[in-house]
Amino acid sequence: MRFLVVFLLAAIAFAGCESTSTPKAPAVTAAMANPGGRQQIDLALLNAGRSAFVTRCAGCHALPGVNEHSRDEWPGIVTAMAKRSGLKTDQREAVIAYILAAHTQ
């Protein structure tokens, strides 16, 4: 009985943590394509960038959150990892566009 109570309390605690966490790769939205009066970004490009970010980055290590690094750091990080992950130039640019569009800091 004691084990069941501990298990249920732990499950409730972990479920609460999961629901409040920020997604590591937020879904692409129309707002991302029109970032505050700046140049319009193609939704297809952002979706391709998200897809490559999720599949290629997580293929080698835990997927970092888009806010884990600054907007200034991301292009260099993605460029440095592009060769290892087999990203082509257009994929690399799409990943950078997606991360910068999804970045909220």
PDB file of N, CA and C in Angstrom:
ATOM      1  N   MET A   1       0.830  -1.184   0.000  1.00  0.00           N
ATOM      2  CA  MET A   1       0.000   0.000   0.000  1.00  0.00           C
ATOM      3  C   MET A   1       0.884   1.261   0.000  1.00  0.00           C
ATOM      4  N   ARG A   2       1.904   1.255   0.828  1.00  0.00           N
ATOM      5  CA  ARG A   2       2.799   2.414   0.913  1.00  0.00           C
ATOM      6  C   ARG A   2       3.466   2.652  -0.445  1.00  0.00           C
ATOM      7  N   PHE A   3       3.884   1.574  -1.102  1.00  0.00           N
ATOM      8  CA  PHE A   3       4.513   1.693  -2.418  1.00  0.00           C
ATOM      9  C   PHE A   3       3.555   2.338  -3.417  1.00  0.00           C
ATOM     10  N   LEU A   4       2.298   1.950  -3.402  1.00  0.00           N
ATOM     11  CA  LEU A   4       1.310   2.499  -4.311  1.00  0.00           C
ATOM     12  C   LEU A   4       1.133   4.003  -4.093  1.00  0.00           C
ATOM     13  N   VAL A   5       1.082   4.438  -2.848  1.00  0.00           N
ATOM     14  CA  VAL A   5       0.935   5.864  -2.539  1.00  0.00           C
ATOM     15  C   VAL A   5       2.146   6.643  -3.034  1.00  0.00           C
ATOM     16  N   VAL A   6       3.342   6.129  -2.789  1.00  0.00           N
ATOM     17  CA  VAL A   6       4.566   6.793  -3.247  1.00  0.00           C
ATOM     18  C   VAL A   6       4.585   6.855  -4.772  1.00  0.00           C
ATOM     19  N   PHE A   7       4.230   5.765  -5.408  1.00  0.00           N
ATOM     20  CA  PHE A   7       4.206   5.728  -6.865  1.00  0.00           C
ATOM     21  C   PHE A   7       3.220   6.750  -7.425  1.00  0.00           C
ATOM     22  N   LEU A   8       2.031   6.820  -6.880  1.00  0.00           N
ATOM     23  CA  LEU A   8       1.035   7.774  -7.373  1.00  0.00           C
ATOM     24  C   LEU A   8       1.482   9.216  -7.165  1.00  0.00           C
ATOM     25  N   LEU A   9       2.074   9.504  -6.018  1.00  0.00           N
ATOM     26  CA  LEU A   9       2.569  10.860  -5.764  1.00  0.00           C
ATOM     27  C   LEU A   9       3.690  11.229  -6.744  1.00  0.00           C
ATOM     28  N   ALA A  10       4.571  10.299  -6.999  1.00  0.00           N
ATOM     29  CA  ALA A  10       5.657  10.553  -7.954  1.00  0.00           C
ATOM     30  C   ALA A  10       5.100  10.765  -9.365  1.00  0.00           C
ATOM     31  N   ALA A  11       4.128   9.967  -9.743  1.00  0.00           N
ATOM     32  CA  ALA A  11       3.527  10.106 -11.077  1.00  0.00           C
ATOM     33  C   ALA A  11       2.845  11.466 -11.228  1.00  0.00           C
ATOM     34  N   ILE A  12       2.160  11.906 -10.192  1.00  0.00           N
ATOM     35  CA  ILE A  12       1.507  13.218 -10.234  1.00  0.00           C
ATOM     36  C   ILE A  12       2.548  14.328 -10.321  1.00  0.00           C
ATOM     37  N   ALA A  13       3.627  14.207  -9.571  1.00  0.00           N
ATOM     38  CA  ALA A  13       4.679  15.223  -9.596  1.00  0.00           C
ATOM     39  C   ALA A  13       5.326  15.316 -10.971  1.00  0.00           C
ATOM     40  N   PHE A  14       5.643  14.175 -11.571  1.00  0.00           N
ATOM     41  CA  PHE A  14       6.266  14.181 -12.894  1.00  0.00           C
ATOM     42  C   PHE A  14       5.295  14.677 -13.963  1.00  0.00           C
ATOM     43  N   ALA A  15       4.032  14.333 -13.851  1.00  0.00           N
ATOM     44  CA  ALA A  15       3.044  14.802 -14.826  1.00  0.00           C
ATOM     45  C   ALA A  15       2.931  16.315 -14.764  1.00  0.00           C
ATOM     46  N   GLY A  16       2.992  16.885 -13.581  1.00  0.00           N
ATOM     47  CA  GLY A  16       2.945  18.336 -13.426  1.00  0.00           C
ATOM     48  C   GLY A  16       4.138  19.008 -14.050  1.00  0.00           C
ATOM     49  N   CYS A  17       5.309  18.418 -13.927  1.00  0.00           N
ATOM     50  CA  CYS A  17       6.513  18.996 -14.526  1.00  0.00           C
ATOM     51  C   CYS A  17       6.422  18.976 -16.037  1.00  0.00           C
ATOM     52  N   GLU A  18       5.931  17.915 -16.590  1.00  0.00           N
ATOM     53  CA  GLU A  18       5.858  17.783 -18.043  1.00  0.00           C
ATOM     54  C   GLU A  18       4.927  18.822 -18.644  1.00  0.00           C
ATOM     55  N   SER A  19       3.825  19.105 -17.998  1.00  0.00           N
ATOM     56  CA  SER A  19       2.859  20.017 -18.579  1.00  0.00           C
ATOM     57  C   SER A  19       3.324  21.467 -18.545  1.00  0.00           C
ATOM     58  N   THR A  20       4.291  21.795 -17.707  1.00  0.00           N
ATOM     59  CA  THR A  20       4.757  23.176 -17.619  1.00  0.00           C
ATOM     60  C   THR A  20       6.053  23.403 -18.388  1.00  0.00           C
ATOM     61  N   SER A  21       6.604  22.383 -18.997  1.00  0.00           N
ATOM     62  CA  SER A  21       7.873  22.565 -19.692  1.00  0.00           C
ATOM     63  C   SER A  21       7.657  23.226 -21.054  1.00  0.00           C
ATOM     64  N   THR A  22       8.661  23.940 -21.499  1.00  0.00           N
ATOM     65  CA  THR A  22       8.622  24.582 -22.808  1.00  0.00           C
ATOM     66  C   THR A  22       9.027  23.573 -23.859  1.00  0.00           C
ATOM     67  N   PRO A  23       8.286  23.494 -24.957  1.00  0.00           N
ATOM     68  CA  PRO A  23       8.679  22.538 -25.988  1.00  0.00           C
ATOM     69  C   PRO A  23      10.048  22.882 -26.561  1.00  0.00           C
ATOM     70  N   LYS A  24      10.843  21.868 -26.821  1.00  0.00           N
ATOM     71  CA  LYS A  24      12.180  22.080 -27.356  1.00  0.00           C
ATOM     72  C   LYS A  24      12.129  22.530 -28.814  1.00  0.00           C
ATOM     73  N   ALA A  25      11.134  22.067 -29.534  1.00  0.00           N
ATOM     74  CA  ALA A  25      10.980  22.448 -30.937  1.00  0.00           C
ATOM     75  C   ALA A  25       9.526  22.860 -31.160  1.00  0.00           C
ATOM     76  N   PRO A  26       9.201  24.111 -30.837  1.00  0.00           N
ATOM     77  CA  PRO A  26       7.810  24.548 -30.981  1.00  0.00           C
ATOM     78  C   PRO A  26       7.310  24.398 -32.412  1.00  0.00           C
ATOM     79  N   ALA A  27       6.036  24.149 -32.529  1.00  0.00           N
ATOM     80  CA  ALA A  27       5.422  24.045 -33.854  1.00  0.00           C
ATOM     81  C   ALA A  27       5.532  25.377 -34.584  1.00  0.00           C
ATOM     82  N   VAL A  28       5.612  25.310 -35.893  1.00  0.00           N
ATOM     83  CA  VAL A  28       5.673  26.513 -36.719  1.00  0.00           C
ATOM     84  C   VAL A  28       4.292  27.167 -36.726  1.00  0.00           C
ATOM     85  N   THR A  29       4.278  28.473 -36.541  1.00  0.00           N
ATOM     86  CA  THR A  29       3.028  29.240 -36.568  1.00  0.00           C
ATOM     87  C   THR A  29       3.133  30.366 -37.584  1.00  0.00           C
ATOM     88  N   ALA A  30       1.988  30.906 -37.954  1.00  0.00           N
ATOM     89  CA  ALA A  30       1.972  32.035 -38.888  1.00  0.00           C
ATOM     90  C   ALA A  30       2.705  33.233 -38.300  1.00  0.00           C
ATOM     91  N   ALA A  31       2.637  33.401 -36.979  1.00  0.00           N
ATOM     92  CA  ALA A  31       3.329  34.525 -36.333  1.00  0.00           C
ATOM     93  C   ALA A  31       4.843  34.435 -36.530  1.00  0.00           C
ATOM     94  N   MET A  32       5.379  33.231 -36.593  1.00  0.00           N
ATOM     95  CA  MET A  32       6.822  33.063 -36.821  1.00  0.00           C
ATOM     96  C   MET A  32       7.213  33.561 -38.213  1.00  0.00           C
ATOM     97  N   ALA A  33       6.296  33.461 -39.159  1.00  0.00           N
ATOM     98  CA  ALA A  33       6.593  33.846 -40.532  1.00  0.00           C
ATOM     99  C   ALA A  33       6.562  35.357 -40.743  1.00  0.00           C
ATOM    100  N   ASN A  34       5.968  36.070 -39.814  1.00  0.00           N
ATOM    101  CA  ASN A  34       5.895  37.526 -39.924  1.00  0.00           C
ATOM    102  C   ASN A  34       6.366  38.139 -38.612  1.00  0.00           C
ATOM    103  N   PRO A  35       7.658  38.116 -38.370  1.00  0.00           N
ATOM    104  CA  PRO A  35       8.206  38.532 -37.078  1.00  0.00           C
ATOM    105  C   PRO A  35       8.265  40.050 -36.888  1.00  0.00           C
ATOM    106  N   GLY A  36       7.187  40.619 -36.378  1.00  0.00           N
ATOM    107  CA  GLY A  36       7.164  42.021 -35.979  1.00  0.00           C
ATOM    108  C   GLY A  36       7.576  43.023 -37.041  1.00  0.00           C
ATOM    109  N   GLY A  37       7.004  42.925 -38.214  1.00  0.00           N
ATOM    110  CA  GLY A  37       7.284  43.901 -39.244  1.00  0.00           C
ATOM    111  C   GLY A  37       8.525  43.623 -40.074  1.00  0.00           C
ATOM    112  N   ARG A  38       9.296  42.622 -39.679  1.00  0.00           N
ATOM    113  CA  ARG A  38      10.473  42.267 -40.491  1.00  0.00           C
ATOM    114  C   ARG A  38      10.033  41.479 -41.707  1.00  0.00           C
ATOM    115  N   GLN A  39      10.968  41.136 -42.531  1.00  0.00           N
ATOM    116  CA  GLN A  39      10.699  40.420 -43.772  1.00  0.00           C
ATOM    117  C   GLN A  39       9.911  39.144 -43.520  1.00  0.00           C
ATOM    118  N   GLN A  40       8.947  38.880 -44.379  1.00  0.00           N
ATOM    119  CA  GLN A  40       8.132  37.663 -44.312  1.00  0.00           C
ATOM    120  C   GLN A  40       9.005  36.438 -44.561  1.00  0.00           C
ATOM    121  N   ILE A  41       8.814  35.384 -43.767  1.00  0.00           N
ATOM    122  CA  ILE A  41       9.561  34.138 -43.919  1.00  0.00           C
ATOM    123  C   ILE A  41       8.584  33.069 -44.403  1.00  0.00           C
ATOM    124  N   ASP A  42       8.986  32.298 -45.376  1.00  0.00           N
ATOM    125  CA  ASP A  42       8.153  31.254 -45.950  1.00  0.00           C
ATOM    126  C   ASP A  42       7.867  30.158 -44.923  1.00  0.00           C
ATOM    127  N   LEU A  43       6.583  29.829 -44.752  1.00  0.00           N
ATOM    128  CA  LEU A  43       6.204  28.781 -43.801  1.00  0.00           C
ATOM    129  C   LEU A  43       6.800  27.425 -44.178  1.00  0.00           C
ATOM    130  N   ALA A  44       6.902  27.140 -45.469  1.00  0.00           N
ATOM    131  CA  ALA A  44       7.495  25.865 -45.905  1.00  0.00           C
ATOM    132  C   ALA A  44       8.958  25.794 -45.474  1.00  0.00           C
ATOM    133  N   LEU A  45       9.673  26.904 -45.569  1.00  0.00           N
ATOM    134  CA  LEU A  45      11.070  26.948 -45.124  1.00  0.00           C
ATOM    135  C   LEU A  45      11.162  26.684 -43.624  1.00  0.00           C
ATOM    136  N   LEU A  46      10.280  27.315 -42.847  1.00  0.00           N
ATOM    137  CA  LEU A  46      10.295  27.113 -41.393  1.00  0.00           C
ATOM    138  C   LEU A  46       9.949  25.670 -41.024  1.00  0.00           C
ATOM    139  N   ASN A  47       8.973  25.092 -41.715  1.00  0.00           N
ATOM    140  CA  ASN A  47       8.620  23.688 -41.442  1.00  0.00           C
ATOM    141  C   ASN A  47       9.764  22.751 -41.812  1.00  0.00           C
ATOM    142  N   ALA A  48      10.445  23.016 -42.918  1.00  0.00           N
ATOM    143  CA  ALA A  48      11.601  22.195 -43.303  1.00  0.00           C
ATOM    144  C   ALA A  48      12.719  22.348 -42.273  1.00  0.00           C
ATOM    145  N   GLY A  49      12.910  23.554 -41.793  1.00  0.00           N
ATOM    146  CA  GLY A  49      13.925  23.797 -40.766  1.00  0.00           C
ATOM    147  C   GLY A  49      13.615  23.076 -39.469  1.00  0.00           C
ATOM    148  N   ARG A  50      12.353  23.109 -39.066  1.00  0.00           N
ATOM    149  CA  ARG A  50      11.956  22.403 -37.838  1.00  0.00           C
ATOM    150  C   ARG A  50      12.170  20.907 -37.996  1.00  0.00           C
ATOM    151  N   SER A  51      11.766  20.380 -39.143  1.00  0.00           N
ATOM    152  CA  SER A  51      11.922  18.950 -39.393  1.00  0.00           C
ATOM    153  C   SER A  51      13.386  18.534 -39.336  1.00  0.00           C
ATOM    154  N   ALA A  52      14.254  19.297 -39.990  1.00  0.00           N
ATOM    155  CA  ALA A  52      15.687  18.969 -39.971  1.00  0.00           C
ATOM    156  C   ALA A  52      16.252  19.133 -38.564  1.00  0.00           C
ATOM    157  N   PHE A  53      15.829  20.156 -37.847  1.00  0.00           N
ATOM    158  CA  PHE A  53      16.283  20.381 -36.474  1.00  0.00           C
ATOM    159  C   PHE A  53      15.949  19.179 -35.589  1.00  0.00           C
ATOM    160  N   VAL A  54      14.714  18.735 -35.674  1.00  0.00           N
ATOM    161  CA  VAL A  54      14.267  17.618 -34.830  1.00  0.00           C
ATOM    162  C   VAL A  54      14.952  16.311 -35.220  1.00  0.00           C
ATOM    163  N   THR A  55      15.009  16.001 -36.500  1.00  0.00           N
ATOM    164  CA  THR A  55      15.540  14.701 -36.908  1.00  0.00           C
ATOM    165  C   THR A  55      17.060  14.651 -36.893  1.00  0.00           C
ATOM    166  N   ARG A  56      17.712  15.666 -37.402  1.00  0.00           N
ATOM    167  CA  ARG A  56      19.168  15.620 -37.521  1.00  0.00           C
ATOM    168  C   ARG A  56      19.858  15.902 -36.190  1.00  0.00           C
ATOM    169  N   CYS A  57      19.421  16.913 -35.470  1.00  0.00           N
ATOM    170  CA  CYS A  57      20.091  17.260 -34.205  1.00  0.00           C
ATOM    171  C   CYS A  57      19.876  16.162 -33.156  1.00  0.00           C
ATOM    172  N   ALA A  58      18.642  15.704 -33.058  1.00  0.00           N
ATOM    173  CA  ALA A  58      18.336  14.676 -32.065  1.00  0.00           C
ATOM    174  C   ALA A  58      18.900  13.318 -32.464  1.00  0.00           C
ATOM    175  N   GLY A  59      19.382  13.188 -33.678  1.00  0.00           N
ATOM    176  CA  GLY A  59      20.004  11.942 -34.102  1.00  0.00           C
ATOM    177  C   GLY A  59      21.323  11.671 -33.402  1.00  0.00           C
ATOM    178  N   CYS A  60      21.958  12.723 -32.892  1.00  0.00           N
ATOM    179  CA  CYS A  60      23.271  12.563 -32.247  1.00  0.00           C
ATOM    180  C   CYS A  60      23.280  12.923 -30.759  1.00  0.00           C
ATOM    181  N   HIS A  61      22.383  13.793 -30.344  1.00  0.00           N
ATOM    182  CA  HIS A  61      22.390  14.238 -28.940  1.00  0.00           C
ATOM    183  C   HIS A  61      20.996  14.707 -28.560  1.00  0.00           C
ATOM    184  N   ALA A  62      20.810  15.000 -27.298  1.00  0.00           N
ATOM    185  CA  ALA A  62      19.519  15.507 -26.834  1.00  0.00           C
ATOM    186  C   ALA A  62      19.208  16.809 -27.559  1.00  0.00           C
ATOM    187  N   LEU A  63      17.982  16.956 -27.983  1.00  0.00           N
ATOM    188  CA  LEU A  63      17.574  18.135 -28.715  1.00  0.00           C
ATOM    189  C   LEU A  63      17.633  19.356 -27.793  1.00  0.00           C
ATOM    190  N   PRO A  64      18.389  20.376 -28.165  1.00  0.00           N
ATOM    191  CA  PRO A  64      18.430  21.570 -27.335  1.00  0.00           C
ATOM    192  C   PRO A  64      17.178  22.404 -27.555  1.00  0.00           C
ATOM    193  N   GLY A  65      16.780  23.139 -26.537  1.00  0.00           N
ATOM    194  CA  GLY A  65      15.655  24.048 -26.702  1.00  0.00           C
ATOM    195  C   GLY A  65      16.079  25.238 -27.543  1.00  0.00           C
ATOM    196  N   VAL A  66      15.158  25.808 -28.288  1.00  0.00           N
ATOM    197  CA  VAL A  66      15.504  26.929 -29.159  1.00  0.00           C
ATOM    198  C   VAL A  66      15.960  28.154 -28.369  1.00  0.00           C
ATOM    199  N   ASN A  67      15.602  28.229 -27.104  1.00  0.00           N
ATOM    200  CA  ASN A  67      16.026  29.346 -26.260  1.00  0.00           C
ATOM    201  C   ASN A  67      17.248  29.014 -25.409  1.00  0.00           C
ATOM    202  N   GLU A  68      17.839  27.863 -25.651  1.00  0.00           N
ATOM    203  CA  GLU A  68      18.991  27.424 -24.871  1.00  0.00           C
ATOM    204  C   GLU A  68      20.245  28.244 -25.172  1.00  0.00           C
ATOM    205  N   HIS A  69      20.294  28.845 -26.347  1.00  0.00           N
ATOM    206  CA  HIS A  69      21.410  29.704 -26.746  1.00  0.00           C
ATOM    207  C   HIS A  69      20.832  31.016 -27.246  1.00  0.00           C
ATOM    208  N   SER A  70      21.659  32.038 -27.327  1.00  0.00           N
ATOM    209  CA  SER A  70      21.185  33.342 -27.799  1.00  0.00           C
ATOM    210  C   SER A  70      20.982  33.319 -29.314  1.00  0.00           C
ATOM    211  N   ARG A  71      20.249  34.296 -29.790  1.00  0.00           N
ATOM    212  CA  ARG A  71      20.026  34.429 -31.234  1.00  0.00           C
ATOM    213  C   ARG A  71      21.353  34.613 -31.964  1.00  0.00           C
ATOM    214  N   ASP A  72      22.300  35.279 -31.339  1.00  0.00           N
ATOM    215  CA  ASP A  72      23.605  35.492 -31.958  1.00  0.00           C
ATOM    216  C   ASP A  72      24.445  34.217 -32.022  1.00  0.00           C
ATOM    217  N   GLU A  73      24.252  33.308 -31.058  1.00  0.00           N
ATOM    218  CA  GLU A  73      25.041  32.071 -31.005  1.00  0.00           C
ATOM    219  C   GLU A  73      24.560  31.003 -31.986  1.00  0.00           C
ATOM    220  N   TRP A  74      23.241  30.942 -32.236  1.00  0.00           N
ATOM    221  CA  TRP A  74      22.672  29.838 -33.010  1.00  0.00           C
ATOM    222  C   TRP A  74      23.265  29.662 -34.403  1.00  0.00           C
ATOM    223  N   PRO A  75      23.430  30.712 -35.211  1.00  0.00           N
ATOM    224  CA  PRO A  75      23.978  30.466 -36.558  1.00  0.00           C
ATOM    225  C   PRO A  75      25.341  29.768 -36.530  1.00  0.00           C
ATOM    226  N   GLY A  76      26.221  30.159 -35.621  1.00  0.00           N
ATOM    227  CA  GLY A  76      27.529  29.515 -35.510  1.00  0.00           C
ATOM    228  C   GLY A  76      27.430  28.072 -35.041  1.00  0.00           C
ATOM    229  N   ILE A  77      26.520  27.819 -34.099  1.00  0.00           N
ATOM    230  CA  ILE A  77      26.334  26.449 -33.591  1.00  0.00           C
ATOM    231  C   ILE A  77      25.831  25.541 -34.700  1.00  0.00           C
ATOM    232  N   VAL A  78      24.813  25.986 -35.420  1.00  0.00           N
ATOM    233  CA  VAL A  78      24.246  25.161 -36.497  1.00  0.00           C
ATOM    234  C   VAL A  78      25.279  24.943 -37.605  1.00  0.00           C
ATOM    235  N   THR A  79      26.004  25.991 -37.951  1.00  0.00           N
ATOM    236  CA  THR A  79      27.029  25.870 -38.986  1.00  0.00           C
ATOM    237  C   THR A  79      28.107  24.878 -38.573  1.00  0.00           C
ATOM    238  N   ALA A  80      28.523  24.933 -37.307  1.00  0.00           N
ATOM    239  CA  ALA A  80      29.551  24.009 -36.817  1.00  0.00           C
ATOM    240  C   ALA A  80      29.067  22.558 -36.831  1.00  0.00           C
ATOM    241  N   MET A  81      27.789  22.344 -36.585  1.00  0.00           N
ATOM    242  CA  MET A  81      27.235  20.992 -36.534  1.00  0.00           C
ATOM    243  C   MET A  81      26.759  20.487 -37.890  1.00  0.00           C
ATOM    244  N   ALA A  82      26.622  21.364 -38.870  1.00  0.00           N
ATOM    245  CA  ALA A  82      26.031  20.988 -40.161  1.00  0.00           C
ATOM    246  C   ALA A  82      26.786  19.863 -40.849  1.00  0.00           C
ATOM    247  N   LYS A  83      28.098  19.928 -40.835  1.00  0.00           N
ATOM    248  CA  LYS A  83      28.878  18.893 -41.522  1.00  0.00           C
ATOM    249  C   LYS A  83      28.716  17.543 -40.831  1.00  0.00           C
ATOM    250  N   ARG A  84      28.779  17.538 -39.507  1.00  0.00           N
ATOM    251  CA  ARG A  84      28.629  16.279 -38.758  1.00  0.00           C
ATOM    252  C   ARG A  84      27.276  15.630 -39.003  1.00  0.00           C
ATOM    253  N   SER A  85      26.258  16.471 -39.084  1.00  0.00           N
ATOM    254  CA  SER A  85      24.905  15.938 -39.215  1.00  0.00           C
ATOM    255  C   SER A  85      24.490  15.703 -40.661  1.00  0.00           C
ATOM    256  N   GLY A  86      25.355  16.062 -41.597  1.00  0.00           N
ATOM    257  CA  GLY A  86      25.052  15.848 -42.998  1.00  0.00           C
ATOM    258  C   GLY A  86      24.065  16.843 -43.569  1.00  0.00           C
ATOM    259  N   LEU A  87      23.906  18.012 -42.922  1.00  0.00           N
ATOM    260  CA  LEU A  87      22.989  19.024 -43.450  1.00  0.00           C
ATOM    261  C   LEU A  87      23.584  19.674 -44.690  1.00  0.00           C
ATOM    262  N   LYS A  88      22.760  19.785 -45.710  1.00  0.00           N
ATOM    263  CA  LYS A  88      23.157  20.529 -46.897  1.00  0.00           C
ATOM    264  C   LYS A  88      22.977  22.010 -46.600  1.00  0.00           C
ATOM    265  N   THR A  89      23.537  22.860 -47.446  1.00  0.00           N
ATOM    266  CA  THR A  89      23.491  24.304 -47.216  1.00  0.00           C
ATOM    267  C   THR A  89      22.065  24.814 -47.044  1.00  0.00           C
ATOM    268  N   ASP A  90      21.153  24.380 -47.916  1.00  0.00           N
ATOM    269  CA  ASP A  90      19.769  24.853 -47.806  1.00  0.00           C
ATOM    270  C   ASP A  90      19.096  24.353 -46.529  1.00  0.00           C
ATOM    271  N   GLN A  91      19.435  23.143 -46.086  1.00  0.00           N
ATOM    272  CA  GLN A  91      18.889  22.624 -44.834  1.00  0.00           C
ATOM    273  C   GLN A  91      19.436  23.405 -43.644  1.00  0.00           C
ATOM    274  N   ARG A  92      20.720  23.702 -43.680  1.00  0.00           N
ATOM    275  CA  ARG A  92      21.344  24.477 -42.603  1.00  0.00           C
ATOM    276  C   ARG A  92      20.668  25.842 -42.483  1.00  0.00           C
ATOM    277  N   GLU A  93      20.457  26.490 -43.603  1.00  0.00           N
ATOM    278  CA  GLU A  93      19.814  27.808 -43.591  1.00  0.00           C
ATOM    279  C   GLU A  93      18.373  27.715 -43.091  1.00  0.00           C
ATOM    280  N   ALA A  94      17.680  26.641 -43.431  1.00  0.00           N
ATOM    281  CA  ALA A  94      16.307  26.440 -42.965  1.00  0.00           C
ATOM    282  C   ALA A  94      16.279  26.216 -41.457  1.00  0.00           C
ATOM    283  N   VAL A  95      17.225  25.440 -40.939  1.00  0.00           N
ATOM    284  CA  VAL A  95      17.299  25.206 -39.493  1.00  0.00           C
ATOM    285  C   VAL A  95      17.558  26.529 -38.768  1.00  0.00           C
ATOM    286  N   ILE A  96      18.484  27.313 -39.263  1.00  0.00           N
ATOM    287  CA  ILE A  96      18.788  28.605 -38.639  1.00  0.00           C
ATOM    288  C   ILE A  96      17.552  29.510 -38.680  1.00  0.00           C
ATOM    289  N   ALA A  97      16.877  29.570 -39.830  1.00  0.00           N
ATOM    290  CA  ALA A  97      15.675  30.397 -39.947  1.00  0.00           C
ATOM    291  C   ALA A  97      14.615  29.955 -38.949  1.00  0.00           C
ATOM    292  N   TYR A  98      14.408  28.632 -38.835  1.00  0.00           N
ATOM    293  CA  TYR A  98      13.411  28.115 -37.884  1.00  0.00           C
ATOM    294  C   TYR A  98      13.767  28.482 -36.449  1.00  0.00           C
ATOM    295  N   ILE A  99      15.007  28.217 -36.049  1.00  0.00           N
ATOM    296  CA  ILE A  99      15.402  28.481 -34.657  1.00  0.00           C
ATOM    297  C   ILE A  99      15.247  29.956 -34.333  1.00  0.00           C
ATOM    298  N   LEU A 100      15.698  30.830 -35.226  1.00  0.00           N
ATOM    299  CA  LEU A 100      15.610  32.266 -34.961  1.00  0.00           C
ATOM    300  C   LEU A 100      14.158  32.735 -34.930  1.00  0.00           C
ATOM    301  N   ALA A 101      13.303  32.146 -35.769  1.00  0.00           N
ATOM    302  CA  ALA A 101      11.884  32.505 -35.767  1.00  0.00           C
ATOM    303  C   ALA A 101      11.187  32.010 -34.506  1.00  0.00           C
ATOM    304  N   ALA A 102      11.609  30.845 -33.995  1.00  0.00           N
ATOM    305  CA  ALA A 102      10.982  30.257 -32.800  1.00  0.00           C
ATOM    306  C   ALA A 102      11.561  30.815 -31.495  1.00  0.00           C
ATOM    307  N   HIS A 103      12.712  31.431 -31.573  1.00  0.00           N
ATOM    308  CA  HIS A 103      13.411  31.964 -30.391  1.00  0.00           C
ATOM    309  C   HIS A 103      12.600  33.068 -29.745  1.00  0.00           C
ATOM    310  N   THR A 104      12.481  33.041 -28.429  1.00  0.00           N
ATOM    311  CA  THR A 104      11.654  34.044 -27.737  1.00  0.00           C
ATOM    312  C   THR A 104      12.416  34.930 -26.776  1.00  0.00           C
ATOM    313  N   GLN A 105      13.718  34.787 -26.685  1.00  0.00           N
ATOM    314  CA  GLN A 105      14.473  35.615 -25.744  1.00  0.00           C
ATOM    315  C   GLN A 105      14.918  36.890 -26.388  1.00  0.00           C
TER     316      GLN A 105
END
